[in-house]
Amino acid sequence: DLKPTAGISPEHQRENLNLLSRFNHDHLEDHPWQDDLQARIENY
């Protein structure tokens, strides 16, 4: 998955990541001891 799916622009992908990041940060606030959640956000 190194290359984005056909038809997905960098701008569209950036918006998707921003939305996913908000969901992940909300989850992280409820589970602050799970370091892998922060790692997942940064890995995206």
ModelCIF file with pLDDT and N, C-alpha, C, O atoms, coordinates in Angstrom:
data_MODEL
#
_entry.id   MODEL 
#
_entity.id                         1 
_entity.type                       polymer 
_entity.pdbx_number_of_molecules   1 
#
_entity_poly.entity_id                      1 
_entity_poly.type                           'polypeptide(L)' 
_entity_poly.nstd_linkage                   no 
_entity_poly.nstd_monomer                   no 
_entity_poly.pdbx_seq_one_letter_code       DLKPTAGISPEHQRENLNLLSRFNHDHLEDHPWQDDLQARIENY 
_entity_poly.pdbx_seq_one_letter_code_can   DLKPTAGISPEHQRENLNLLSRFNHDHLEDHPWQDDLQARIENY 
_entity_poly.pdbx_strand_id                 A 
#
loop_
_entity_poly_seq.entity_id 
_entity_poly_seq.num 
_entity_poly_seq.mon_id 
_entity_poly_seq.hetero 
1 1  ASP n 
1 2  LEU n 
1 3  LYS n 
1 4  PRO n 
1 5  THR n 
1 6  ALA n 
1 7  GLY n 
1 8  ILE n 
1 9  SER n 
1 10 PRO n 
1 11 GLU n 
1 12 HIS n 
1 13 GLN n 
1 14 ARG n 
1 15 GLU n 
1 16 ASN n 
1 17 LEU n 
1 18 ASN n 
1 19 LEU n 
1 20 LEU n 
1 21 SER n 
1 22 ARG n 
1 23 PHE n 
1 24 ASN n 
1 25 HIS n 
1 26 ASP n 
1 27 HIS n 
1 28 LEU n 
1 29 GLU n 
1 30 ASP n 
1 31 HIS n 
1 32 PRO n 
1 33 TRP n 
1 34 GLN n 
1 35 ASP n 
1 36 ASP n 
1 37 LEU n 
1 38 GLN n 
1 39 ALA n 
1 40 ARG n 
1 41 ILE n 
1 42 GLU n 
1 43 ASN n 
1 44 TYR n 
#
_struct_asym.id          A 
_struct_asym.entity_id   1 
#
loop_
_ma_qa_metric.id 
_ma_qa_metric.mode 
_ma_qa_metric.name 
_ma_qa_metric.software_group_id 
_ma_qa_metric.type 
1 global pLDDT . pLDDT 
2 local  pLDDT . pLDDT 
#
_ma_qa_metric_global.metric_id      1 
_ma_qa_metric_global.metric_value   68.07 
_ma_qa_metric_global.model_id       1 
_ma_qa_metric_global.ordinal_id     1 
#
loop_
_ma_qa_metric_local.label_asym_id 
_ma_qa_metric_local.label_comp_id 
_ma_qa_metric_local.label_seq_id 
_ma_qa_metric_local.metric_id 
_ma_qa_metric_local.metric_value 
_ma_qa_metric_local.model_id 
_ma_qa_metric_local.ordinal_id 
A ASP 1  2 56.00 1 1  
A LEU 2  2 58.00 1 2  
A LYS 3  2 61.00 1 3  
A PRO 4  2 63.00 1 4  
A THR 5  2 64.00 1 5  
A ALA 6  2 67.00 1 6  
A GLY 7  2 64.00 1 7  
A ILE 8  2 66.00 1 8  
A SER 9  2 65.00 1 9  
A PRO 10 2 65.00 1 10 
A GLU 11 2 68.00 1 11 
A HIS 12 2 64.00 1 12 
A GLN 13 2 65.00 1 13 
A ARG 14 2 65.00 1 14 
A GLU 15 2 68.00 1 15 
A ASN 16 2 67.00 1 16 
A LEU 17 2 65.00 1 17 
A ASN 18 2 70.00 1 18 
A LEU 19 2 72.00 1 19 
A LEU 20 2 70.00 1 20 
A SER 21 2 69.00 1 21 
A ARG 22 2 76.00 1 22 
A PHE 23 2 74.00 1 23 
A ASN 24 2 74.00 1 24 
A HIS 25 2 74.00 1 25 
A ASP 26 2 75.00 1 26 
A HIS 27 2 75.00 1 27 
A LEU 28 2 76.00 1 28 
A GLU 29 2 80.00 1 29 
A ASP 30 2 77.00 1 30 
A HIS 31 2 75.00 1 31 
A PRO 32 2 73.00 1 32 
A TRP 33 2 69.00 1 33 
A GLN 34 2 67.00 1 34 
A ASP 35 2 64.00 1 35 
A ASP 36 2 67.00 1 36 
A LEU 37 2 67.00 1 37 
A GLN 38 2 68.00 1 38 
A ALA 39 2 67.00 1 39 
A ARG 40 2 67.00 1 40 
A ILE 41 2 66.00 1 41 
A GLU 42 2 67.00 1 42 
A ASN 43 2 65.00 1 43 
A TYR 44 2 60.00 1 44 
#
loop_
_atom_site.group_PDB 
_atom_site.id 
_atom_site.type_symbol 
_atom_site.label_atom_id 
_atom_site.label_alt_id 
_atom_site.label_comp_id 
_atom_site.label_asym_id 
_atom_site.label_entity_id 
_atom_site.label_seq_id 
_atom_site.pdbx_PDB_ins_code 
_atom_site.Cartn_x 
_atom_site.Cartn_y 
_atom_site.Cartn_z 
_atom_site.occupancy 
_atom_site.B_iso_or_equiv 
_atom_site.pdbx_formal_charge 
_atom_site.auth_seq_id 
_atom_site.auth_comp_id 
_atom_site.auth_asym_id 
_atom_site.auth_atom_id 
_atom_site.pdbx_PDB_model_num 
ATOM 1   N N  . ASP A 1 1  ? 0.820   -1.218 0.000  1.00 56.00 ? 1  ASP A N  1 
ATOM 2   C CA . ASP A 1 1  ? 0.000   0.000  0.000  1.00 56.00 ? 1  ASP A CA 1 
ATOM 3   C C  . ASP A 1 1  ? 0.850   1.262  0.000  1.00 56.00 ? 1  ASP A C  1 
ATOM 4   O O  . ASP A 1 1  ? 0.438   2.300  0.517  1.00 56.00 ? 1  ASP A O  1 
ATOM 5   N N  . LEU A 1 2  ? 2.045   1.163  -0.588 1.00 58.00 ? 2  LEU A N  1 
ATOM 6   C CA . LEU A 1 2  ? 2.915   2.337  -0.634 1.00 58.00 ? 2  LEU A CA 1 
ATOM 7   C C  . LEU A 1 2  ? 2.304   3.436  -1.496 1.00 58.00 ? 2  LEU A C  1 
ATOM 8   O O  . LEU A 1 2  ? 2.451   4.624  -1.211 1.00 58.00 ? 2  LEU A O  1 
ATOM 9   N N  . LYS A 1 3  ? 1.616   3.016  -2.555 1.00 61.00 ? 3  LYS A N  1 
ATOM 10  C CA . LYS A 1 3  ? 0.962   3.992  -3.431 1.00 61.00 ? 3  LYS A CA 1 
ATOM 11  C C  . LYS A 1 3  ? -0.507  4.142  -3.036 1.00 61.00 ? 3  LYS A C  1 
ATOM 12  O O  . LYS A 1 3  ? -1.167  3.138  -2.769 1.00 61.00 ? 3  LYS A O  1 
ATOM 13  N N  . PRO A 1 4  ? -1.030  5.356  -2.991 1.00 63.00 ? 4  PRO A N  1 
ATOM 14  C CA . PRO A 1 4  ? -2.446  5.545  -2.669 1.00 63.00 ? 4  PRO A CA 1 
ATOM 15  C C  . PRO A 1 4  ? -3.338  4.863  -3.702 1.00 63.00 ? 4  PRO A C  1 
ATOM 16  O O  . PRO A 1 4  ? -2.935  4.650  -4.845 1.00 63.00 ? 4  PRO A O  1 
ATOM 17  N N  . THR A 1 5  ? -4.555  4.525  -3.282 1.00 64.00 ? 5  THR A N  1 
ATOM 18  C CA . THR A 1 5  ? -5.524  3.943  -4.198 1.00 64.00 ? 5  THR A CA 1 
ATOM 19  C C  . THR A 1 5  ? -5.789  4.908  -5.345 1.00 64.00 ? 5  THR A C  1 
ATOM 20  O O  . THR A 1 5  ? -5.829  6.124  -5.156 1.00 64.00 ? 5  THR A O  1 
ATOM 21  N N  . ALA A 1 6  ? -5.968  4.353  -6.525 1.00 67.00 ? 6  ALA A N  1 
ATOM 22  C CA . ALA A 1 6  ? -6.226  5.188  -7.714 1.00 67.00 ? 6  ALA A CA 1 
ATOM 23  C C  . ALA A 1 6  ? -7.425  6.097  -7.460 1.00 67.00 ? 6  ALA A C  1 
ATOM 24  O O  . ALA A 1 6  ? -8.466  5.668  -6.963 1.00 67.00 ? 6  ALA A O  1 
ATOM 25  N N  . GLY A 1 7  ? -7.245  7.357  -7.814 1.00 64.00 ? 7  GLY A N  1 
ATOM 26  C CA . GLY A 1 7  ? -8.328  8.318  -7.660 1.00 64.00 ? 7  GLY A CA 1 
ATOM 27  C C  . GLY A 1 7  ? -8.308  9.066  -6.339 1.00 64.00 ? 7  GLY A C  1 
ATOM 28  O O  . GLY A 1 7  ? -9.082  10.005 -6.152 1.00 64.00 ? 7  GLY A O  1 
ATOM 29  N N  . ILE A 1 8  ? -7.437  8.669  -5.420 1.00 66.00 ? 8  ILE A N  1 
ATOM 30  C CA . ILE A 1 8  ? -7.341  9.352  -4.118 1.00 66.00 ? 8  ILE A CA 1 
ATOM 31  C C  . ILE A 1 8  ? -6.204  10.363 -4.185 1.00 66.00 ? 8  ILE A C  1 
ATOM 32  O O  . ILE A 1 8  ? -5.039  9.988  -4.323 1.00 66.00 ? 8  ILE A O  1 
ATOM 33  N N  . SER A 1 9  ? -6.538  11.624 -4.088 1.00 65.00 ? 9  SER A N  1 
ATOM 34  C CA . SER A 1 9  ? -5.523  12.676 -4.155 1.00 65.00 ? 9  SER A CA 1 
ATOM 35  C C  . SER A 1 9  ? -4.851  12.842 -2.799 1.00 65.00 ? 9  SER A C  1 
ATOM 36  O O  . SER A 1 9  ? -5.415  12.435 -1.783 1.00 65.00 ? 9  SER A O  1 
ATOM 37  N N  . PRO A 1 10 ? -3.653  13.432 -2.760 1.00 65.00 ? 10 PRO A N  1 
ATOM 38  C CA . PRO A 1 10 ? -3.004  13.698 -1.467 1.00 65.00 ? 10 PRO A CA 1 
ATOM 39  C C  . PRO A 1 10 ? -3.882  14.529 -0.541 1.00 65.00 ? 10 PRO A C  1 
ATOM 40  O O  . PRO A 1 10 ? -3.874  14.322 0.673  1.00 65.00 ? 10 PRO A O  1 
ATOM 41  N N  . GLU A 1 11 ? -4.646  15.473 -1.109 1.00 68.00 ? 11 GLU A N  1 
ATOM 42  C CA . GLU A 1 11 ? -5.518  16.315 -0.282 1.00 68.00 ? 11 GLU A CA 1 
ATOM 43  C C  . GLU A 1 11 ? -6.622  15.478 0.368  1.00 68.00 ? 11 GLU A C  1 
ATOM 44  O O  . GLU A 1 11 ? -6.925  15.641 1.550  1.00 68.00 ? 11 GLU A O  1 
ATOM 45  N N  . HIS A 1 12 ? -7.215  14.580 -0.421 1.00 64.00 ? 12 HIS A N  1 
ATOM 46  C CA . HIS A 1 12 ? -8.265  13.700 0.102  1.00 64.00 ? 12 HIS A CA 1 
ATOM 47  C C  . HIS A 1 12 ? -7.693  12.790 1.195  1.00 64.00 ? 12 HIS A C  1 
ATOM 48  O O  . HIS A 1 12 ? -8.324  12.574 2.230  1.00 64.00 ? 12 HIS A O  1 
ATOM 49  N N  . GLN A 1 13 ? -6.508  12.269 0.954  1.00 65.00 ? 13 GLN A N  1 
ATOM 50  C CA . GLN A 1 13 ? -5.875  11.389 1.934  1.00 65.00 ? 13 GLN A CA 1 
ATOM 51  C C  . GLN A 1 13 ? -5.560  12.154 3.216  1.00 65.00 ? 13 GLN A C  1 
ATOM 52  O O  . GLN A 1 13 ? -5.703  11.616 4.314  1.00 65.00 ? 13 GLN A O  1 
ATOM 53  N N  . ARG A 1 14 ? -5.132  13.405 3.078  1.00 65.00 ? 14 ARG A N  1 
ATOM 54  C CA . ARG A 1 14 ? -4.842  14.228 4.249  1.00 65.00 ? 14 ARG A CA 1 
ATOM 55  C C  . ARG A 1 14 ? -6.098  14.435 5.085  1.00 65.00 ? 14 ARG A C  1 
ATOM 56  O O  . ARG A 1 14 ? -6.040  14.382 6.313  1.00 65.00 ? 14 ARG A O  1 
ATOM 57  N N  . GLU A 1 15 ? -7.230  14.669 4.433  1.00 68.00 ? 15 GLU A N  1 
ATOM 58  C CA . GLU A 1 15 ? -8.494  14.841 5.160  1.00 68.00 ? 15 GLU A CA 1 
ATOM 59  C C  . GLU A 1 15 ? -8.878  13.564 5.889  1.00 68.00 ? 15 GLU A C  1 
ATOM 60  O O  . GLU A 1 15 ? -9.344  13.611 7.027  1.00 68.00 ? 15 GLU A O  1 
ATOM 61  N N  . ASN A 1 16 ? -8.682  12.421 5.235  1.00 67.00 ? 16 ASN A N  1 
ATOM 62  C CA . ASN A 1 16 ? -8.989  11.148 5.893  1.00 67.00 ? 16 ASN A CA 1 
ATOM 63  C C  . ASN A 1 16 ? -8.118  10.932 7.132  1.00 67.00 ? 16 ASN A C  1 
ATOM 64  O O  . ASN A 1 16 ? -8.601  10.486 8.173  1.00 67.00 ? 16 ASN A O  1 
ATOM 65  N N  . LEU A 1 17 ? -6.824  11.254 7.004  1.00 65.00 ? 17 LEU A N  1 
ATOM 66  C CA . LEU A 1 17 ? -5.926  11.087 8.143  1.00 65.00 ? 17 LEU A CA 1 
ATOM 67  C C  . LEU A 1 17 ? -6.295  12.023 9.288  1.00 65.00 ? 17 LEU A C  1 
ATOM 68  O O  . LEU A 1 17 ? -6.208  11.638 10.454 1.00 65.00 ? 17 LEU A O  1 
ATOM 69  N N  . ASN A 1 18 ? -6.705  13.244 8.969  1.00 70.00 ? 18 ASN A N  1 
ATOM 70  C CA . ASN A 1 18 ? -7.114  14.189 10.010 1.00 70.00 ? 18 ASN A CA 1 
ATOM 71  C C  . ASN A 1 18 ? -8.316  13.660 10.782 1.00 70.00 ? 18 ASN A C  1 
ATOM 72  O O  . ASN A 1 18 ? -8.364  13.750 12.009 1.00 70.00 ? 18 ASN A O  1 
ATOM 73  N N  . LEU A 1 19 ? -9.297  13.101 10.047 1.00 72.00 ? 19 LEU A N  1 
ATOM 74  C CA . LEU A 1 19 ? -10.480 12.542 10.697 1.00 72.00 ? 19 LEU A CA 1 
ATOM 75  C C  . LEU A 1 19 ? -10.095 11.342 11.562 1.00 72.00 ? 19 LEU A C  1 
ATOM 76  O O  . LEU A 1 19 ? -10.537 11.224 12.705 1.00 72.00 ? 19 LEU A O  1 
ATOM 77  N N  . LEU A 1 20 ? -9.266  10.454 11.007 1.00 70.00 ? 20 LEU A N  1 
ATOM 78  C CA . LEU A 1 20 ? -8.825  9.282  11.765 1.00 70.00 ? 20 LEU A CA 1 
ATOM 79  C C  . LEU A 1 20 ? -8.037  9.689  13.005 1.00 70.00 ? 20 LEU A C  1 
ATOM 80  O O  . LEU A 1 20 ? -8.172  9.079  14.066 1.00 70.00 ? 20 LEU A O  1 
ATOM 81  N N  . SER A 1 21 ? -7.223  10.714 12.864 1.00 69.00 ? 21 SER A N  1 
ATOM 82  C CA . SER A 1 21 ? -6.423  11.184 13.990 1.00 69.00 ? 21 SER A CA 1 
ATOM 83  C C  . SER A 1 21 ? -7.314  11.697 15.121 1.00 69.00 ? 21 SER A C  1 
ATOM 84  O O  . SER A 1 21 ? -7.015  11.475 16.295 1.00 69.00 ? 21 SER A O  1 
ATOM 85  N N  . ARG A 1 22 ? -8.409  12.385 14.774 1.00 76.00 ? 22 ARG A N  1 
ATOM 86  C CA . ARG A 1 22 ? -9.321  12.877 15.811 1.00 76.00 ? 22 ARG A CA 1 
ATOM 87  C C  . ARG A 1 22 ? -9.956  11.712 16.568 1.00 76.00 ? 22 ARG A C  1 
ATOM 88  O O  . ARG A 1 22 ? -10.057 11.738 17.794 1.00 76.00 ? 22 ARG A O  1 
ATOM 89  N N  . PHE A 1 23 ? -10.384 10.687 15.819 1.00 74.00 ? 23 PHE A N  1 
ATOM 90  C CA . PHE A 1 23 ? -10.973 9.509  16.470 1.00 74.00 ? 23 PHE A CA 1 
ATOM 91  C C  . PHE A 1 23 ? -9.952  8.828  17.384 1.00 74.00 ? 23 PHE A C  1 
ATOM 92  O O  . PHE A 1 23 ? -10.272 8.447  18.509 1.00 74.00 ? 23 PHE A O  1 
ATOM 93  N N  . ASN A 1 24 ? -8.724  8.681  16.889 1.00 74.00 ? 24 ASN A N  1 
ATOM 94  C CA . ASN A 1 24 ? -7.697  8.004  17.673 1.00 74.00 ? 24 ASN A CA 1 
ATOM 95  C C  . ASN A 1 24 ? -7.320  8.791  18.923 1.00 74.00 ? 24 ASN A C  1 
ATOM 96  O O  . ASN A 1 24 ? -7.084  8.204  19.980 1.00 74.00 ? 24 ASN A O  1 
ATOM 97  N N  . HIS A 1 25 ? -7.261  10.128 18.807 1.00 74.00 ? 25 HIS A N  1 
ATOM 98  C CA . HIS A 1 25 ? -6.926  10.940 19.979 1.00 74.00 ? 25 HIS A CA 1 
ATOM 99  C C  . HIS A 1 25 ? -8.041  10.883 21.021 1.00 74.00 ? 25 HIS A C  1 
ATOM 100 O O  . HIS A 1 25 ? -7.765  10.880 22.221 1.00 74.00 ? 25 HIS A O  1 
ATOM 101 N N  . ASP A 1 26 ? -9.304  10.836 20.572 1.00 75.00 ? 26 ASP A N  1 
ATOM 102 C CA . ASP A 1 26 ? -10.412 10.679 21.521 1.00 75.00 ? 26 ASP A CA 1 
ATOM 103 C C  . ASP A 1 26 ? -10.283 9.348  22.260 1.00 75.00 ? 26 ASP A C  1 
ATOM 104 O O  . ASP A 1 26 ? -10.495 9.272  23.470 1.00 75.00 ? 26 ASP A O  1 
ATOM 105 N N  . HIS A 1 27 ? -9.935  8.312  21.521 1.00 75.00 ? 27 HIS A N  1 
ATOM 106 C CA . HIS A 1 27 ? -9.760  6.991  22.129 1.00 75.00 ? 27 HIS A CA 1 
ATOM 107 C C  . HIS A 1 27 ? -8.580  6.999  23.098 1.00 75.00 ? 27 HIS A C  1 
ATOM 108 O O  . HIS A 1 27 ? -8.629  6.367  24.153 1.00 75.00 ? 27 HIS A O  1 
ATOM 109 N N  . LEU A 1 28 ? -7.517  7.721  22.729 1.00 76.00 ? 28 LEU A N  1 
ATOM 110 C CA . LEU A 1 28 ? -6.325  7.778  23.565 1.00 76.00 ? 28 LEU A CA 1 
ATOM 111 C C  . LEU A 1 28 ? -6.614  8.473  24.894 1.00 76.00 ? 28 LEU A C  1 
ATOM 112 O O  . LEU A 1 28 ? -6.054  8.093  25.922 1.00 76.00 ? 28 LEU A O  1 
ATOM 113 N N  . GLU A 1 29 ? -7.471  9.476  24.883 1.00 80.00 ? 29 GLU A N  1 
ATOM 114 C CA . GLU A 1 29 ? -7.816  10.164 26.126 1.00 80.00 ? 29 GLU A CA 1 
ATOM 115 C C  . GLU A 1 29 ? -8.490  9.229  27.116 1.00 80.00 ? 29 GLU A C  1 
ATOM 116 O O  . GLU A 1 29 ? -8.331  9.389  28.326 1.00 80.00 ? 29 GLU A O  1 
ATOM 117 N N  . ASP A 1 30 ? -9.244  8.251  26.614 1.00 77.00 ? 30 ASP A N  1 
ATOM 118 C CA . ASP A 1 30 ? -9.917  7.289  27.487 1.00 77.00 ? 30 ASP A CA 1 
ATOM 119 C C  . ASP A 1 30 ? -9.016  6.120  27.867 1.00 77.00 ? 30 ASP A C  1 
ATOM 120 O O  . ASP A 1 30 ? -9.340  5.367  28.786 1.00 77.00 ? 30 ASP A O  1 
ATOM 121 N N  . HIS A 1 31 ? -7.901  5.959  27.182 1.00 75.00 ? 31 HIS A N  1 
ATOM 122 C CA . HIS A 1 31 ? -6.984  4.833  27.437 1.00 75.00 ? 31 HIS A CA 1 
ATOM 123 C C  . HIS A 1 31 ? -5.542  5.342  27.454 1.00 75.00 ? 31 HIS A C  1 
ATOM 124 O O  . HIS A 1 31 ? -4.733  4.931  26.623 1.00 75.00 ? 31 HIS A O  1 
ATOM 125 N N  . PRO A 1 32 ? -5.215  6.233  28.393 1.00 73.00 ? 32 PRO A N  1 
ATOM 126 C CA . PRO A 1 32 ? -3.911  6.908  28.342 1.00 73.00 ? 32 PRO A CA 1 
ATOM 127 C C  . PRO A 1 32 ? -2.722  5.986  28.580 1.00 73.00 ? 32 PRO A C  1 
ATOM 128 O O  . PRO A 1 32 ? -1.589  6.354  28.268 1.00 73.00 ? 32 PRO A O  1 
ATOM 129 N N  . TRP A 1 33 ? -2.959  4.783  29.132 1.00 69.00 ? 33 TRP A N  1 
ATOM 130 C CA . TRP A 1 33 ? -1.844  3.881  29.419 1.00 69.00 ? 33 TRP A CA 1 
ATOM 131 C C  . TRP A 1 33 ? -1.420  3.057  28.208 1.00 69.00 ? 33 TRP A C  1 
ATOM 132 O O  . TRP A 1 33 ? -0.411  2.354  28.264 1.00 69.00 ? 33 TRP A O  1 
ATOM 133 N N  . GLN A 1 34 ? -2.170  3.133  27.125 1.00 67.00 ? 34 GLN A N  1 
ATOM 134 C CA . GLN A 1 34 ? -1.873  2.315  25.950 1.00 67.00 ? 34 GLN A CA 1 
ATOM 135 C C  . GLN A 1 34 ? -0.978  3.086  24.982 1.00 67.00 ? 34 GLN A C  1 
ATOM 136 O O  . GLN A 1 34 ? -1.456  3.835  24.130 1.00 67.00 ? 34 GLN A O  1 
ATOM 137 N N  . ASP A 1 35 ? 0.340   2.883  25.134 1.00 64.00 ? 35 ASP A N  1 
ATOM 138 C CA . ASP A 1 35 ? 1.307   3.596  24.303 1.00 64.00 ? 35 ASP A CA 1 
ATOM 139 C C  . ASP A 1 35 ? 1.157   3.272  22.824 1.00 64.00 ? 35 ASP A C  1 
ATOM 140 O O  . ASP A 1 35 ? 1.503   4.085  21.967 1.00 64.00 ? 35 ASP A O  1 
ATOM 141 N N  . ASP A 1 36 ? 0.631   2.060  22.519 1.00 67.00 ? 36 ASP A N  1 
ATOM 142 C CA . ASP A 1 36 ? 0.540   1.680  21.119 1.00 67.00 ? 36 ASP A CA 1 
ATOM 143 C C  . ASP A 1 36 ? -0.457  2.539  20.359 1.00 67.00 ? 36 ASP A C  1 
ATOM 144 O O  . ASP A 1 36 ? -0.377  2.630  19.134 1.00 67.00 ? 36 ASP A O  1 
ATOM 145 N N  . LEU A 1 37 ? -1.414  3.184  21.069 1.00 67.00 ? 37 LEU A N  1 
ATOM 146 C CA . LEU A 1 37 ? -2.364  4.059  20.379 1.00 67.00 ? 37 LEU A CA 1 
ATOM 147 C C  . LEU A 1 37 ? -1.651  5.295  19.830 1.00 67.00 ? 37 LEU A C  1 
ATOM 148 O O  . LEU A 1 37 ? -1.873  5.695  18.687 1.00 67.00 ? 37 LEU A O  1 
ATOM 149 N N  . GLN A 1 38 ? -0.787  5.897  20.663 1.00 68.00 ? 38 GLN A N  1 
ATOM 150 C CA . GLN A 1 38 ? -0.028  7.052  20.186 1.00 68.00 ? 38 GLN A CA 1 
ATOM 151 C C  . GLN A 1 38 ? 0.894   6.652  19.052 1.00 68.00 ? 38 GLN A C  1 
ATOM 152 O O  . GLN A 1 38 ? 1.060   7.394  18.083 1.00 68.00 ? 38 GLN A O  1 
ATOM 153 N N  . ALA A 1 39 ? 1.502   5.458  19.176 1.00 67.00 ? 39 ALA A N  1 
ATOM 154 C CA . ALA A 1 39 ? 2.370   4.982  18.099 1.00 67.00 ? 39 ALA A CA 1 
ATOM 155 C C  . ALA A 1 39 ? 1.585   4.788  16.808 1.00 67.00 ? 39 ALA A C  1 
ATOM 156 O O  . ALA A 1 39 ? 2.081   5.075  15.719 1.00 67.00 ? 39 ALA A O  1 
ATOM 157 N N  . ARG A 1 40 ? 0.357   4.298  16.941 1.00 67.00 ? 40 ARG A N  1 
ATOM 158 C CA . ARG A 1 40 ? -0.472  4.081  15.742 1.00 67.00 ? 40 ARG A CA 1 
ATOM 159 C C  . ARG A 1 40 ? -0.761  5.408  15.050 1.00 67.00 ? 40 ARG A C  1 
ATOM 160 O O  . ARG A 1 40 ? -0.684  5.510  13.825 1.00 67.00 ? 40 ARG A O  1 
ATOM 161 N N  . ILE A 1 41 ? -1.092  6.415  15.837 1.00 66.00 ? 41 ILE A N  1 
ATOM 162 C CA . ILE A 1 41 ? -1.368  7.731  15.259 1.00 66.00 ? 41 ILE A CA 1 
ATOM 163 C C  . ILE A 1 41 ? -0.144  8.244  14.494 1.00 66.00 ? 41 ILE A C  1 
ATOM 164 O O  . ILE A 1 41 ? -0.254  8.710  13.360 1.00 66.00 ? 41 ILE A O  1 
ATOM 165 N N  . GLU A 1 42 ? 1.023   8.148  15.137 1.00 67.00 ? 42 GLU A N  1 
ATOM 166 C CA . GLU A 1 42 ? 2.243   8.660  14.512 1.00 67.00 ? 42 GLU A CA 1 
ATOM 167 C C  . GLU A 1 42 ? 2.648   7.825  13.306 1.00 67.00 ? 42 GLU A C  1 
ATOM 168 O O  . GLU A 1 42 ? 3.220   8.349  12.350 1.00 67.00 ? 42 GLU A O  1 
ATOM 169 N N  . ASN A 1 43 ? 2.355   6.520  13.345 1.00 65.00 ? 43 ASN A N  1 
ATOM 170 C CA . ASN A 1 43 ? 2.697   5.667  12.208 1.00 65.00 ? 43 ASN A CA 1 
ATOM 171 C C  . ASN A 1 43 ? 1.848   5.995  10.982 1.00 65.00 ? 43 ASN A C  1 
ATOM 172 O O  . ASN A 1 43 ? 2.332   5.925  9.852  1.00 65.00 ? 43 ASN A O  1 
ATOM 173 N N  . TYR A 1 44 ? 0.583   6.354  11.206 1.00 60.00 ? 44 TYR A N  1 
ATOM 174 C CA . TYR A 1 44 ? -0.240  6.782  10.070 1.00 60.00 ? 44 TYR A CA 1 
ATOM 175 C C  . TYR A 1 44 ? 0.382   8.020  9.413  1.00 60.00 ? 44 TYR A C  1 
ATOM 176 O O  . TYR A 1 44 ? -0.159  8.537  8.436  1.00 60.00 ? 44 TYR A O  1 
#
